[in-house]
Amino acid sequence: MYIDGSWRPAAGSGTTEVVNPADGQVIATVPAGSAQDVDAAVRAARAALPGWAATPPAERAAHLAALGRS
């Protein structure tokens, strides 16, 4: 799981299939997160929000576009 800028093993066990709703095909298998993983992700998102909100919209758009290309 990628949380707070780093990869870490999921605290949960097993995996979950990601299904394309358009055709029902499995497109990925990802680690099954736990409540602990969700809590860590929410804490990281809350901590990042002030900096993200202060970033000019054009810069945020550039970051999101770059992420979409990766």
PDB file of N, CA and C in Angstrom:
ATOM      1  N   MET A   1       0.843  -1.154   0.000  1.00  0.00           N
ATOM      2  CA  MET A   1       0.000   0.000   0.000  1.00  0.00           C
ATOM      3  C   MET A   1       0.901   1.234   0.000  1.00  0.00           C
ATOM      4  N   TYR A   2       0.489   2.240  -0.767  1.00  0.00           N
ATOM      5  CA  TYR A   2       1.231   3.496  -0.830  1.00  0.00           C
ATOM      6  C   TYR A   2       0.497   4.496   0.050  1.00  0.00           C
ATOM      7  N   ILE A   3       1.075   4.766   1.223  1.00  0.00           N
ATOM      8  CA  ILE A   3       0.452   5.653   2.203  1.00  0.00           C
ATOM      9  C   ILE A   3       1.502   6.616   2.712  1.00  0.00           C
ATOM     10  N   ASP A   4       1.160   7.888   2.713  1.00  0.00           N
ATOM     11  CA  ASP A   4       2.021   8.944   3.256  1.00  0.00           C
ATOM     12  C   ASP A   4       3.385   8.979   2.574  1.00  0.00           C
ATOM     13  N   GLY A   5       3.378   8.775   1.267  1.00  0.00           N
ATOM     14  CA  GLY A   5       4.600   8.914   0.487  1.00  0.00           C
ATOM     15  C   GLY A   5       5.534   7.725   0.494  1.00  0.00           C
ATOM     16  N   SER A   6       5.081   6.590   1.006  1.00  0.00           N
ATOM     17  CA  SER A   6       5.960   5.424   0.981  1.00  0.00           C
ATOM     18  C   SER A   6       5.148   4.136   0.831  1.00  0.00           C
ATOM     19  N   TRP A   7       5.805   3.133   0.262  1.00  0.00           N
ATOM     20  CA  TRP A   7       5.186   1.820   0.128  1.00  0.00           C
ATOM     21  C   TRP A   7       5.325   1.086   1.444  1.00  0.00           C
ATOM     22  N   ARG A   8       4.281   0.404   1.850  1.00  0.00           N
ATOM     23  CA  ARG A   8       4.310  -0.403   3.079  1.00  0.00           C
ATOM     24  C   ARG A   8       3.432  -1.631   2.894  1.00  0.00           C
ATOM     25  N   PRO A   9       3.758  -2.689   3.591  1.00  0.00           N
ATOM     26  CA  PRO A   9       2.905  -3.874   3.476  1.00  0.00           C
ATOM     27  C   PRO A   9       1.531  -3.585   4.087  1.00  0.00           C
ATOM     28  N   ALA A  10       0.521  -4.199   3.528  1.00  0.00           N
ATOM     29  CA  ALA A  10      -0.832  -4.034   4.062  1.00  0.00           C
ATOM     30  C   ALA A  10      -0.920  -4.725   5.418  1.00  0.00           C
ATOM     31  N   ALA A  11      -1.634  -4.092   6.337  1.00  0.00           N
ATOM     32  CA  ALA A  11      -1.852  -4.712   7.646  1.00  0.00           C
ATOM     33  C   ALA A  11      -2.910  -5.810   7.537  1.00  0.00           C
ATOM     34  N   GLY A  12      -3.732  -5.728   6.499  1.00  0.00           N
ATOM     35  CA  GLY A  12      -4.748  -6.754   6.281  1.00  0.00           C
ATOM     36  C   GLY A  12      -4.129  -7.995   5.669  1.00  0.00           C
ATOM     37  N   SER A  13      -4.962  -8.974   5.412  1.00  0.00           N
ATOM     38  CA  SER A  13      -4.454 -10.192   4.795  1.00  0.00           C
ATOM     39  C   SER A  13      -5.228 -10.468   3.517  1.00  0.00           C
ATOM     40  N   GLY A  14      -4.572 -11.139   2.595  1.00  0.00           N
ATOM     41  CA  GLY A  14      -5.234 -11.503   1.354  1.00  0.00           C
ATOM     42  C   GLY A  14      -5.182 -10.409   0.314  1.00  0.00           C
ATOM     43  N   THR A  15      -5.943 -10.615  -0.740  1.00  0.00           N
ATOM     44  CA  THR A  15      -5.991  -9.668  -1.845  1.00  0.00           C
ATOM     45  C   THR A  15      -7.437  -9.445  -2.262  1.00  0.00           C
ATOM     46  N   THR A  16      -7.625  -8.412  -3.068  1.00  0.00           N
ATOM     47  CA  THR A  16      -8.930  -8.068  -3.611  1.00  0.00           C
ATOM     48  C   THR A  16      -8.778  -7.865  -5.107  1.00  0.00           C
ATOM     49  N   GLU A  17      -9.705  -8.381  -5.875  1.00  0.00           N
ATOM     50  CA  GLU A  17      -9.669  -8.177  -7.316  1.00  0.00           C
ATOM     51  C   GLU A  17     -10.356  -6.866  -7.667  1.00  0.00           C
ATOM     52  N   VAL A  18      -9.759  -6.130  -8.593  1.00  0.00           N
ATOM     53  CA  VAL A  18     -10.358  -4.903  -9.121  1.00  0.00           C
ATOM     54  C   VAL A  18     -10.980  -5.268 -10.463  1.00  0.00           C
ATOM     55  N   VAL A  19     -12.272  -5.010 -10.590  1.00  0.00           N
ATOM     56  CA  VAL A  19     -13.027  -5.420 -11.776  1.00  0.00           C
ATOM     57  C   VAL A  19     -13.444  -4.193 -12.580  1.00  0.00           C
ATOM     58  N   ASN A  20     -13.242  -4.262 -13.893  1.00  0.00           N
ATOM     59  CA  ASN A  20     -13.707  -3.222 -14.796  1.00  0.00           C
ATOM     60  C   ASN A  20     -15.229  -3.337 -14.879  1.00  0.00           C
ATOM     61  N   PRO A  21     -15.968  -2.322 -14.424  1.00  0.00           N
ATOM     62  CA  PRO A  21     -17.431  -2.447 -14.425  1.00  0.00           C
ATOM     63  C   PRO A  21     -18.035  -2.476 -15.827  1.00  0.00           C
ATOM     64  N   ALA A  22     -17.288  -2.014 -16.817  1.00  0.00           N
ATOM     65  CA  ALA A  22     -17.821  -1.999 -18.184  1.00  0.00           C
ATOM     66  C   ALA A  22     -17.927  -3.393 -18.780  1.00  0.00           C
ATOM     67  N   ASP A  23     -16.964  -4.269 -18.411  1.00  0.00           N
ATOM     68  CA  ASP A  23     -16.987  -5.592 -19.039  1.00  0.00           C
ATOM     69  C   ASP A  23     -16.826  -6.748 -18.049  1.00  0.00           C
ATOM     70  N   GLY A  24     -16.693  -6.449 -16.768  1.00  0.00           N
ATOM     71  CA  GLY A  24     -16.577  -7.490 -15.757  1.00  0.00           C
ATOM     72  C   GLY A  24     -15.232  -8.174 -15.683  1.00  0.00           C
ATOM     73  N   GLN A  25     -14.260  -7.706 -16.464  1.00  0.00           N
ATOM     74  CA  GLN A  25     -12.923  -8.320 -16.473  1.00  0.00           C
ATOM     75  C   GLN A  25     -12.107  -7.849 -15.260  1.00  0.00           C
ATOM     76  N   VAL A  26     -11.346  -8.764 -14.667  1.00  0.00           N
ATOM     77  CA  VAL A  26     -10.436  -8.418 -13.586  1.00  0.00           C
ATOM     78  C   VAL A  26      -9.251  -7.680 -14.206  1.00  0.00           C
ATOM     79  N   ILE A  27      -8.983  -6.468 -13.723  1.00  0.00           N
ATOM     80  CA  ILE A  27      -7.887  -5.671 -14.282  1.00  0.00           C
ATOM     81  C   ILE A  27      -6.693  -5.568 -13.338  1.00  0.00           C
ATOM     82  N   ALA A  28      -6.880  -5.956 -12.074  1.00  0.00           N
ATOM     83  CA  ALA A  28      -5.767  -5.906 -11.122  1.00  0.00           C
ATOM     84  C   ALA A  28      -6.127  -6.723  -9.891  1.00  0.00           C
ATOM     85  N   THR A  29      -5.104  -7.104  -9.182  1.00  0.00           N
ATOM     86  CA  THR A  29      -5.260  -7.716  -7.863  1.00  0.00           C
ATOM     87  C   THR A  29      -4.433  -6.881  -6.904  1.00  0.00           C
ATOM     88  N   VAL A  30      -5.051  -6.415  -5.835  1.00  0.00           N
ATOM     89  CA  VAL A  30      -4.391  -5.506  -4.897  1.00  0.00           C
ATOM     90  C   VAL A  30      -4.456  -6.074  -3.484  1.00  0.00           C
ATOM     91  N   PRO A  31      -3.546  -5.634  -2.600  1.00  0.00           N
ATOM     92  CA  PRO A  31      -3.612  -6.101  -1.218  1.00  0.00           C
ATOM     93  C   PRO A  31      -4.919  -5.661  -0.564  1.00  0.00           C
ATOM     94  N   ALA A  32      -5.461  -6.505   0.259  1.00  0.00           N
ATOM     95  CA  ALA A  32      -6.662  -6.152   1.018  1.00  0.00           C
ATOM     96  C   ALA A  32      -6.239  -5.332   2.226  1.00  0.00           C
ATOM     97  N   GLY A  33      -6.677  -4.105   2.271  1.00  0.00           N
ATOM     98  CA  GLY A  33      -6.331  -3.233   3.390  1.00  0.00           C
ATOM     99  C   GLY A  33      -7.172  -3.548   4.613  1.00  0.00           C
ATOM    100  N   SER A  34      -6.699  -3.079   5.738  1.00  0.00           N
ATOM    101  CA  SER A  34      -7.410  -3.264   7.003  1.00  0.00           C
ATOM    102  C   SER A  34      -7.885  -1.903   7.498  1.00  0.00           C
ATOM    103  N   ALA A  35      -8.613  -1.901   8.589  1.00  0.00           N
ATOM    104  CA  ALA A  35      -9.027  -0.643   9.218  1.00  0.00           C
ATOM    105  C   ALA A  35      -7.794   0.170   9.603  1.00  0.00           C
ATOM    106  N   GLN A  36      -6.730  -0.498  10.008  1.00  0.00           N
ATOM    107  CA  GLN A  36      -5.478   0.183  10.359  1.00  0.00           C
ATOM    108  C   GLN A  36      -4.896   0.896   9.135  1.00  0.00           C
ATOM    109  N   ASP A  37      -4.943   0.256   7.974  1.00  0.00           N
ATOM    110  CA  ASP A  37      -4.460   0.877   6.740  1.00  0.00           C
ATOM    111  C   ASP A  37      -5.302   2.106   6.391  1.00  0.00           C
ATOM    112  N   VAL A  38      -6.614   1.986   6.519  1.00  0.00           N
ATOM    113  CA  VAL A  38      -7.506   3.110   6.220  1.00  0.00           C
ATOM    114  C   VAL A  38      -7.218   4.271   7.161  1.00  0.00           C
ATOM    115  N   ASP A  39      -7.071   3.978   8.448  1.00  0.00           N
ATOM    116  CA  ASP A  39      -6.780   5.035   9.419  1.00  0.00           C
ATOM    117  C   ASP A  39      -5.475   5.754   9.080  1.00  0.00           C
ATOM    118  N   ALA A  40      -4.442   5.008   8.703  1.00  0.00           N
ATOM    119  CA  ALA A  40      -3.157   5.611   8.342  1.00  0.00           C
ATOM    120  C   ALA A  40      -3.299   6.486   7.097  1.00  0.00           C
ATOM    121  N   ALA A  41      -4.060   6.014   6.116  1.00  0.00           N
ATOM    122  CA  ALA A  41      -4.265   6.789   4.891  1.00  0.00           C
ATOM    123  C   ALA A  41      -5.052   8.064   5.167  1.00  0.00           C
ATOM    124  N   VAL A  42      -6.066   7.984   6.006  1.00  0.00           N
ATOM    125  CA  VAL A  42      -6.867   9.165   6.341  1.00  0.00           C
ATOM    126  C   VAL A  42      -6.019  10.176   7.107  1.00  0.00           C
ATOM    127  N   ARG A  43      -5.207   9.713   8.050  1.00  0.00           N
ATOM    128  CA  ARG A  43      -4.319  10.631   8.786  1.00  0.00           C
ATOM    129  C   ARG A  43      -3.369  11.340   7.826  1.00  0.00           C
ATOM    130  N   ALA A  44      -2.789  10.589   6.885  1.00  0.00           N
ATOM    131  CA  ALA A  44      -1.862  11.171   5.911  1.00  0.00           C
ATOM    132  C   ALA A  44      -2.572  12.188   5.025  1.00  0.00           C
ATOM    133  N   ALA A  45      -3.782  11.865   4.593  1.00  0.00           N
ATOM    134  CA  ALA A  45      -4.536  12.782   3.734  1.00  0.00           C
ATOM    135  C   ALA A  45      -4.886  14.070   4.479  1.00  0.00           C
ATOM    136  N   ARG A  46      -5.296  13.942   5.717  1.00  0.00           N
ATOM    137  CA  ARG A  46      -5.623  15.134   6.512  1.00  0.00           C
ATOM    138  C   ARG A  46      -4.395  16.016   6.719  1.00  0.00           C
ATOM    139  N   ALA A  47      -3.252  15.396   6.953  1.00  0.00           N
ATOM    140  CA  ALA A  47      -2.016  16.165   7.153  1.00  0.00           C
ATOM    141  C   ALA A  47      -1.580  16.860   5.868  1.00  0.00           C
ATOM    142  N   ALA A  48      -1.851  16.244   4.719  1.00  0.00           N
ATOM    143  CA  ALA A  48      -1.432  16.806   3.434  1.00  0.00           C
ATOM    144  C   ALA A  48      -2.382  17.893   2.925  1.00  0.00           C
ATOM    145  N   LEU A  49      -3.608  17.910   3.396  1.00  0.00           N
ATOM    146  CA  LEU A  49      -4.613  18.807   2.848  1.00  0.00           C
ATOM    147  C   LEU A  49      -4.228  20.287   2.893  1.00  0.00           C
ATOM    148  N   PRO A  50      -3.718  20.821   3.984  1.00  0.00           N
ATOM    149  CA  PRO A  50      -3.399  22.258   3.980  1.00  0.00           C
ATOM    150  C   PRO A  50      -2.388  22.646   2.892  1.00  0.00           C
ATOM    151  N   GLY A  51      -1.370  21.842   2.697  1.00  0.00           N
ATOM    152  CA  GLY A  51      -0.380  22.131   1.658  1.00  0.00           C
ATOM    153  C   GLY A  51      -0.973  22.023   0.265  1.00  0.00           C
ATOM    154  N   TRP A  52      -1.795  21.004   0.050  1.00  0.00           N
ATOM    155  CA  TRP A  52      -2.436  20.817  -1.261  1.00  0.00           C
ATOM    156  C   TRP A  52      -3.397  21.973  -1.537  1.00  0.00           C
ATOM    157  N   ALA A  53      -4.166  22.373  -0.539  1.00  0.00           N
ATOM    158  CA  ALA A  53      -5.130  23.461  -0.715  1.00  0.00           C
ATOM    159  C   ALA A  53      -4.419  24.785  -1.007  1.00  0.00           C
ATOM    160  N   ALA A  54      -3.209  24.960  -0.483  1.00  0.00           N
ATOM    161  CA  ALA A  54      -2.451  26.195  -0.701  1.00  0.00           C
ATOM    162  C   ALA A  54      -1.721  26.200  -2.041  1.00  0.00           C
ATOM    163  N   THR A  55      -1.675  25.062  -2.712  1.00  0.00           N
ATOM    164  CA  THR A  55      -0.999  24.965  -4.010  1.00  0.00           C
ATOM    165  C   THR A  55      -1.890  25.606  -5.073  1.00  0.00           C
ATOM    166  N   PRO A  56      -1.310  26.465  -5.915  1.00  0.00           N
ATOM    167  CA  PRO A  56      -2.128  27.111  -6.955  1.00  0.00           C
ATOM    168  C   PRO A  56      -2.806  26.066  -7.859  1.00  0.00           C
ATOM    169  N   PRO A  57      -4.029  26.360  -8.304  1.00  0.00           N
ATOM    170  CA  PRO A  57      -4.778  25.398  -9.124  1.00  0.00           C
ATOM    171  C   PRO A  57      -4.018  24.909 -10.352  1.00  0.00           C
ATOM    172  N   ALA A  58      -3.303  25.775 -11.030  1.00  0.00           N
ATOM    173  CA  ALA A  58      -2.567  25.343 -12.229  1.00  0.00           C
ATOM    174  C   ALA A  58      -1.495  24.319 -11.865  1.00  0.00           C
ATOM    175  N   GLU A  59      -0.846  24.514 -10.735  1.00  0.00           N
ATOM    176  CA  GLU A  59       0.178  23.554 -10.290  1.00  0.00           C
ATOM    177  C   GLU A  59      -0.463  22.231  -9.883  1.00  0.00           C
ATOM    178  N   ARG A  60      -1.601  22.300  -9.197  1.00  0.00           N
ATOM    179  CA  ARG A  60      -2.312  21.059  -8.834  1.00  0.00           C
ATOM    180  C   ARG A  60      -2.713  20.309 -10.098  1.00  0.00           C
ATOM    181  N   ALA A  61      -3.216  21.039 -11.101  1.00  0.00           N
ATOM    182  CA  ALA A  61      -3.619  20.418 -12.354  1.00  0.00           C
ATOM    183  C   ALA A  61      -2.428  19.735 -13.026  1.00  0.00           C
ATOM    184  N   ALA A  62      -1.271  20.385 -12.992  1.00  0.00           N
ATOM    185  CA  ALA A  62      -0.064  19.785 -13.599  1.00  0.00           C
ATOM    186  C   ALA A  62       0.324  18.504 -12.882  1.00  0.00           C
ATOM    187  N   HIS A  63       0.241  18.492 -11.570  1.00  0.00           N
ATOM    188  CA  HIS A  63       0.559  17.277 -10.785  1.00  0.00           C
ATOM    189  C   HIS A  63      -0.404  16.142 -11.152  1.00  0.00           C
ATOM    190  N   LEU A  64      -1.683  16.456 -11.216  1.00  0.00           N
ATOM    191  CA  LEU A  64      -2.677  15.431 -11.533  1.00  0.00           C
ATOM    192  C   LEU A  64      -2.507  14.919 -12.962  1.00  0.00           C
ATOM    193  N   ALA A  65      -2.190  15.810 -13.877  1.00  0.00           N
ATOM    194  CA  ALA A  65      -1.950  15.374 -15.274  1.00  0.00           C
ATOM    195  C   ALA A  65      -0.748  14.451 -15.346  1.00  0.00           C
ATOM    196  N   ALA A  66       0.321  14.792 -14.623  1.00  0.00           N
ATOM    197  CA  ALA A  66       1.515  13.943 -14.613  1.00  0.00           C
ATOM    198  C   ALA A  66       1.196  12.576 -14.013  1.00  0.00           C
ATOM    199  N   LEU A  67       0.405  12.568 -12.972  1.00  0.00           N
ATOM    200  CA  LEU A  67       0.013  11.296 -12.345  1.00  0.00           C
ATOM    201  C   LEU A  67      -0.801  10.464 -13.327  1.00  0.00           C
ATOM    202  N   GLY A  68      -1.675  11.100 -14.080  1.00  0.00           N
ATOM    203  CA  GLY A  68      -2.483  10.390 -15.057  1.00  0.00           C
ATOM    204  C   GLY A  68      -1.646   9.786 -16.181  1.00  0.00           C
ATOM    205  N   ARG A  69      -0.516  10.416 -16.489  1.00  0.00           N
ATOM    206  CA  ARG A  69       0.358   9.890 -17.546  1.00  0.00           C
ATOM    207  C   ARG A  69       1.234   8.749 -17.059  1.00  0.00           C
ATOM    208  N   SER A  70       1.383   8.597 -15.746  1.00  0.00           N
ATOM    209  CA  SER A  70       2.280   7.550 -15.238  1.00  0.00           C
ATOM    210  C   SER A  70       1.611   6.203 -15.139  1.00  0.00           C
TER     211      SER A  70
END
